N, C-alpha and C. Protein backbone atom coordinates (compact mmCIF):
# COMPACT_ATOMS: atom_id res chain seq x y z
N MET A 1 45.96 -3.93 -79.56
CA MET A 1 45.84 -2.64 -79.04
C MET A 1 45.02 -2.60 -77.68
N ALA A 2 43.93 -3.55 -77.68
CA ALA A 2 43.17 -3.57 -76.41
C ALA A 2 44.05 -3.96 -75.16
N ALA A 3 45.08 -4.96 -75.48
CA ALA A 3 45.93 -5.42 -74.42
C ALA A 3 46.82 -4.27 -73.95
N LEU A 4 47.27 -3.45 -74.81
CA LEU A 4 48.15 -2.25 -74.43
C LEU A 4 47.28 -1.29 -73.63
N GLU A 5 46.09 -1.10 -74.06
CA GLU A 5 45.30 -0.04 -73.35
C GLU A 5 44.97 -0.69 -71.85
N GLN A 6 44.76 -1.92 -71.78
CA GLN A 6 44.45 -2.61 -70.56
C GLN A 6 45.80 -2.51 -69.73
N GLY A 7 46.90 -2.78 -70.26
CA GLY A 7 48.25 -2.65 -69.56
C GLY A 7 48.46 -1.29 -69.03
N LEU A 8 48.03 -0.22 -69.91
CA LEU A 8 48.11 1.21 -69.31
C LEU A 8 47.36 1.46 -68.11
N ASP A 9 46.06 0.87 -68.12
CA ASP A 9 45.12 1.09 -67.01
C ASP A 9 45.69 0.36 -65.83
N ILE A 10 46.19 -0.80 -65.97
CA ILE A 10 46.69 -1.50 -64.79
C ILE A 10 47.95 -0.85 -64.26
N ALA A 11 48.80 -0.36 -65.19
CA ALA A 11 50.06 0.37 -64.69
C ALA A 11 49.69 1.61 -63.94
N ARG A 12 48.70 2.41 -64.51
CA ARG A 12 48.32 3.61 -63.81
C ARG A 12 47.69 3.36 -62.51
N ASP A 13 46.88 2.28 -62.48
CA ASP A 13 46.16 2.09 -61.24
C ASP A 13 47.06 1.58 -60.18
N SER A 14 48.12 0.92 -60.54
CA SER A 14 48.98 0.27 -59.58
C SER A 14 50.14 1.30 -59.14
N GLY A 15 50.19 2.38 -59.78
CA GLY A 15 51.22 3.52 -59.60
C GLY A 15 52.44 3.34 -60.28
N ALA A 16 52.55 2.44 -61.21
CA ALA A 16 53.71 2.23 -62.17
C ALA A 16 53.66 3.27 -63.27
N LEU A 17 53.93 4.52 -62.80
CA LEU A 17 53.76 5.74 -63.76
C LEU A 17 54.81 5.69 -64.90
N GLY A 18 56.03 5.15 -64.66
CA GLY A 18 56.96 5.04 -65.76
C GLY A 18 56.46 4.12 -66.80
N LEU A 19 56.01 2.96 -66.39
CA LEU A 19 55.41 1.97 -67.32
C LEU A 19 54.11 2.43 -68.08
N ALA A 20 53.40 3.21 -67.37
CA ALA A 20 52.15 3.83 -67.80
C ALA A 20 52.55 4.83 -68.95
N GLU A 21 53.56 5.64 -68.80
CA GLU A 21 54.00 6.56 -69.78
C GLU A 21 54.54 5.84 -70.94
N ARG A 22 55.31 4.82 -70.76
CA ARG A 22 55.76 4.07 -71.89
C ARG A 22 54.59 3.47 -72.76
N ALA A 23 53.63 3.06 -72.08
CA ALA A 23 52.39 2.43 -72.67
C ALA A 23 51.74 3.53 -73.51
N ARG A 24 51.57 4.75 -72.97
CA ARG A 24 51.00 5.88 -73.56
C ARG A 24 51.77 6.21 -74.85
N ARG A 25 53.17 6.26 -74.81
CA ARG A 25 54.00 6.60 -75.95
C ARG A 25 53.62 5.52 -77.05
N GLU A 26 53.67 4.24 -76.66
CA GLU A 26 53.40 3.20 -77.66
C GLU A 26 52.15 3.27 -78.35
N LEU A 27 51.08 3.60 -77.58
CA LEU A 27 49.81 3.82 -78.05
C LEU A 27 49.55 5.03 -78.99
N LYS A 28 50.31 6.10 -78.63
CA LYS A 28 50.34 7.34 -79.50
C LYS A 28 50.95 7.02 -80.78
N ALA A 29 52.13 6.18 -80.67
CA ALA A 29 52.66 5.81 -81.91
C ALA A 29 51.96 4.95 -82.87
N ALA A 30 50.91 4.30 -82.24
CA ALA A 30 49.94 3.53 -82.99
C ALA A 30 48.88 4.29 -83.51
N GLY A 31 48.80 5.61 -83.22
CA GLY A 31 47.72 6.36 -83.58
C GLY A 31 46.54 6.55 -82.64
N VAL A 32 46.60 6.11 -81.44
CA VAL A 32 45.65 6.33 -80.39
C VAL A 32 45.81 7.74 -79.77
N SER A 33 44.82 8.50 -79.76
CA SER A 33 44.84 9.82 -79.09
C SER A 33 45.29 9.83 -77.73
N PRO A 34 46.37 10.39 -77.33
CA PRO A 34 46.80 10.53 -76.03
C PRO A 34 45.80 11.26 -75.06
N HIS A 35 45.01 12.13 -75.71
CA HIS A 35 44.07 12.95 -74.94
C HIS A 35 43.06 11.94 -74.28
N ARG A 36 42.63 10.99 -75.08
CA ARG A 36 41.72 10.06 -74.77
C ARG A 36 42.30 9.18 -73.56
N LEU A 37 43.59 9.08 -73.48
CA LEU A 37 44.09 8.17 -72.42
C LEU A 37 44.37 8.88 -71.16
N ARG A 38 44.51 10.29 -71.22
CA ARG A 38 44.90 10.95 -70.02
C ARG A 38 43.64 11.01 -69.12
N PRO A 39 43.84 10.60 -67.82
CA PRO A 39 42.68 10.65 -66.91
C PRO A 39 42.05 12.14 -66.75
N GLN A 40 40.78 12.24 -66.76
CA GLN A 40 40.01 13.55 -66.57
C GLN A 40 39.30 13.43 -65.23
N PRO A 41 39.56 14.32 -64.31
CA PRO A 41 38.71 14.39 -63.13
C PRO A 41 37.27 14.35 -63.29
N SER A 42 36.70 15.16 -64.10
CA SER A 42 35.29 15.28 -64.33
C SER A 42 34.70 14.04 -64.94
N ARG A 43 35.53 13.20 -65.65
CA ARG A 43 35.05 11.95 -66.30
C ARG A 43 35.43 10.73 -65.55
N ASP A 44 36.50 10.72 -64.80
CA ASP A 44 36.95 9.52 -64.30
C ASP A 44 36.76 9.25 -62.81
N LEU A 45 36.27 10.42 -62.18
CA LEU A 45 36.07 10.34 -60.56
C LEU A 45 34.54 10.37 -60.44
N THR A 46 34.15 9.84 -59.32
CA THR A 46 32.76 9.98 -58.80
C THR A 46 32.57 11.49 -58.38
N ALA A 47 31.35 11.74 -58.32
CA ALA A 47 30.99 13.13 -57.86
C ALA A 47 31.67 13.43 -56.43
N LEU A 48 31.58 12.40 -55.49
CA LEU A 48 32.16 12.50 -54.30
C LEU A 48 33.57 12.68 -54.22
N GLN A 49 34.29 11.78 -54.96
CA GLN A 49 35.62 11.87 -55.13
C GLN A 49 36.10 13.18 -55.68
N LEU A 50 35.56 13.73 -56.77
CA LEU A 50 35.86 14.97 -57.41
C LEU A 50 35.68 16.16 -56.32
N ARG A 51 34.62 16.23 -55.53
CA ARG A 51 34.43 17.22 -54.57
C ARG A 51 35.53 17.21 -53.47
N ALA A 52 35.81 15.93 -52.98
CA ALA A 52 36.81 15.84 -52.01
C ALA A 52 38.22 16.28 -52.54
N ALA A 53 38.47 16.02 -53.83
CA ALA A 53 39.64 16.42 -54.50
C ALA A 53 39.75 17.96 -54.61
N GLN A 54 38.59 18.53 -54.93
CA GLN A 54 38.68 20.02 -55.09
C GLN A 54 38.83 20.80 -53.76
N LEU A 55 38.16 20.21 -52.72
CA LEU A 55 38.33 20.94 -51.58
C LEU A 55 39.73 20.70 -50.96
N THR A 56 40.29 19.56 -51.27
CA THR A 56 41.73 19.24 -50.76
C THR A 56 42.57 20.22 -51.50
N ALA A 57 42.39 20.25 -52.79
CA ALA A 57 43.24 21.14 -53.65
C ALA A 57 43.25 22.64 -53.25
N ALA A 58 41.99 22.99 -52.70
CA ALA A 58 41.83 24.35 -52.13
C ALA A 58 42.32 24.66 -50.80
N GLY A 59 43.03 23.59 -50.28
CA GLY A 59 43.72 23.80 -49.02
C GLY A 59 43.00 23.24 -47.76
N ARG A 60 41.90 22.75 -47.87
CA ARG A 60 41.10 22.31 -46.72
C ARG A 60 41.73 20.95 -46.29
N ASP A 61 41.77 20.88 -44.80
CA ASP A 61 42.42 19.63 -44.31
C ASP A 61 41.37 18.58 -44.31
N ARG A 62 41.58 17.31 -44.02
CA ARG A 62 40.75 16.20 -44.01
C ARG A 62 39.48 16.39 -43.20
N HIS A 63 39.69 16.98 -41.98
CA HIS A 63 38.46 17.24 -41.09
C HIS A 63 37.55 18.21 -41.80
N GLU A 64 38.09 19.26 -42.43
CA GLU A 64 37.23 20.34 -43.01
C GLU A 64 36.49 19.68 -44.24
N VAL A 65 37.16 18.91 -45.06
CA VAL A 65 36.65 18.09 -46.13
C VAL A 65 35.52 17.19 -45.65
N ALA A 66 35.73 16.40 -44.62
CA ALA A 66 34.94 15.46 -44.02
C ALA A 66 33.58 16.13 -43.61
N GLU A 67 33.75 17.34 -43.01
CA GLU A 67 32.62 18.02 -42.52
C GLU A 67 31.87 18.61 -43.69
N SER A 68 32.41 19.16 -44.79
CA SER A 68 31.70 19.52 -45.86
C SER A 68 31.02 18.66 -46.65
N LEU A 69 31.48 17.33 -46.51
CA LEU A 69 30.95 16.21 -47.37
C LEU A 69 29.97 15.38 -46.53
N SER A 70 29.91 15.63 -45.23
CA SER A 70 29.23 14.92 -44.23
C SER A 70 29.53 13.40 -44.23
N VAL A 71 30.92 13.19 -44.28
CA VAL A 71 31.51 11.92 -44.13
C VAL A 71 32.43 11.99 -42.98
N SER A 72 33.09 10.83 -42.60
CA SER A 72 34.16 10.68 -41.69
C SER A 72 35.54 11.09 -42.22
N PRO A 73 36.45 11.46 -41.51
CA PRO A 73 37.72 11.75 -42.03
C PRO A 73 38.46 10.44 -42.67
N ALA A 74 38.12 9.29 -42.10
CA ALA A 74 38.59 8.09 -42.75
C ALA A 74 38.02 7.79 -44.12
N ARG A 75 36.74 8.26 -44.33
CA ARG A 75 36.26 8.20 -45.71
C ARG A 75 36.87 9.19 -46.64
N VAL A 76 37.22 10.31 -46.01
CA VAL A 76 37.97 11.32 -46.91
C VAL A 76 39.22 10.65 -47.34
N ASP A 77 39.95 9.96 -46.52
CA ASP A 77 41.25 9.33 -46.75
C ASP A 77 41.06 8.28 -47.89
N GLU A 78 39.93 7.49 -47.84
CA GLU A 78 39.62 6.59 -48.84
C GLU A 78 39.31 7.25 -50.15
N LEU A 79 38.57 8.21 -50.20
CA LEU A 79 38.17 8.97 -51.40
C LEU A 79 39.48 9.45 -52.14
N LEU A 80 40.32 10.25 -51.32
CA LEU A 80 41.52 10.73 -51.79
C LEU A 80 42.51 9.74 -52.22
N ALA A 81 42.57 8.59 -51.64
CA ALA A 81 43.51 7.44 -52.17
C ALA A 81 42.84 7.07 -53.56
N ALA A 82 41.64 6.93 -53.69
CA ALA A 82 41.18 6.51 -55.08
C ALA A 82 41.44 7.65 -56.05
N VAL A 83 41.24 8.91 -55.59
CA VAL A 83 41.55 10.04 -56.49
C VAL A 83 43.04 10.04 -56.94
N TYR A 84 43.98 9.78 -56.18
CA TYR A 84 45.27 9.88 -56.47
C TYR A 84 45.78 8.78 -57.39
N ARG A 85 45.05 7.55 -57.06
CA ARG A 85 45.29 6.30 -57.99
C ARG A 85 44.76 6.52 -59.27
N THR A 86 43.50 7.14 -59.45
CA THR A 86 42.99 7.25 -60.66
C THR A 86 43.52 8.36 -61.39
N LEU A 87 44.02 9.31 -60.99
CA LEU A 87 44.58 10.47 -61.69
C LEU A 87 46.05 10.27 -61.84
N GLY A 88 46.71 9.40 -61.12
CA GLY A 88 48.11 9.27 -61.19
C GLY A 88 48.85 10.52 -60.67
N THR A 89 48.49 10.89 -59.49
CA THR A 89 49.01 12.06 -58.90
C THR A 89 49.09 11.90 -57.47
N ASP A 90 49.50 12.96 -56.66
CA ASP A 90 49.59 12.91 -55.14
C ASP A 90 48.98 14.26 -54.77
N ALA A 91 49.01 14.39 -53.47
CA ALA A 91 48.52 15.62 -52.88
C ALA A 91 49.10 16.93 -53.51
N LYS A 92 50.38 16.82 -53.71
CA LYS A 92 51.16 17.99 -54.21
C LYS A 92 50.80 18.38 -55.59
N GLY A 93 50.48 17.27 -56.47
CA GLY A 93 50.15 17.48 -57.81
C GLY A 93 48.65 17.64 -58.04
N LEU A 94 47.91 17.55 -57.05
CA LEU A 94 46.42 17.56 -57.18
C LEU A 94 45.93 18.82 -57.81
N PRO A 95 46.26 19.98 -57.35
CA PRO A 95 45.83 21.23 -57.84
C PRO A 95 45.99 21.39 -59.39
N GLU A 96 47.20 21.00 -59.87
CA GLU A 96 47.59 21.22 -61.21
C GLU A 96 46.80 20.11 -62.02
N THR A 97 46.65 18.93 -61.53
CA THR A 97 45.99 17.93 -62.31
C THR A 97 44.39 18.27 -62.51
N LEU A 98 43.83 18.82 -61.38
CA LEU A 98 42.44 19.30 -61.52
C LEU A 98 42.25 20.52 -62.45
N ASN A 99 43.36 21.26 -62.53
CA ASN A 99 43.21 22.52 -63.47
C ASN A 99 43.36 22.02 -64.96
N GLU A 100 44.05 20.89 -65.15
CA GLU A 100 44.17 20.37 -66.51
C GLU A 100 42.95 19.68 -67.11
N ASP A 101 41.97 19.54 -66.25
CA ASP A 101 40.68 18.87 -66.90
C ASP A 101 40.04 19.74 -67.86
N ASP A 102 39.60 19.05 -68.97
CA ASP A 102 39.03 19.78 -70.02
C ASP A 102 37.42 19.90 -69.87
């Protein structure tokens, strides 16, 4: 079971979303709660990543986000790349993903 959970993490982190979904289905079939496997912004992101994600989802551009967080626009890009990788989404799906957080 641990190997499959690790495989899910690796698949999700590398952007292999189809493979990650297959691993989720297998874990669910084995009795592992899918809720536990779904990334949650409030649990899986750092405070700075979460704030950058929230501002971006609210329609702020990278310069506005950078100013709000007192970081460079390049740092915002790094933060958002980590957010998208962790949550398995992109800029378009970010607002919905943040709204699904329990």
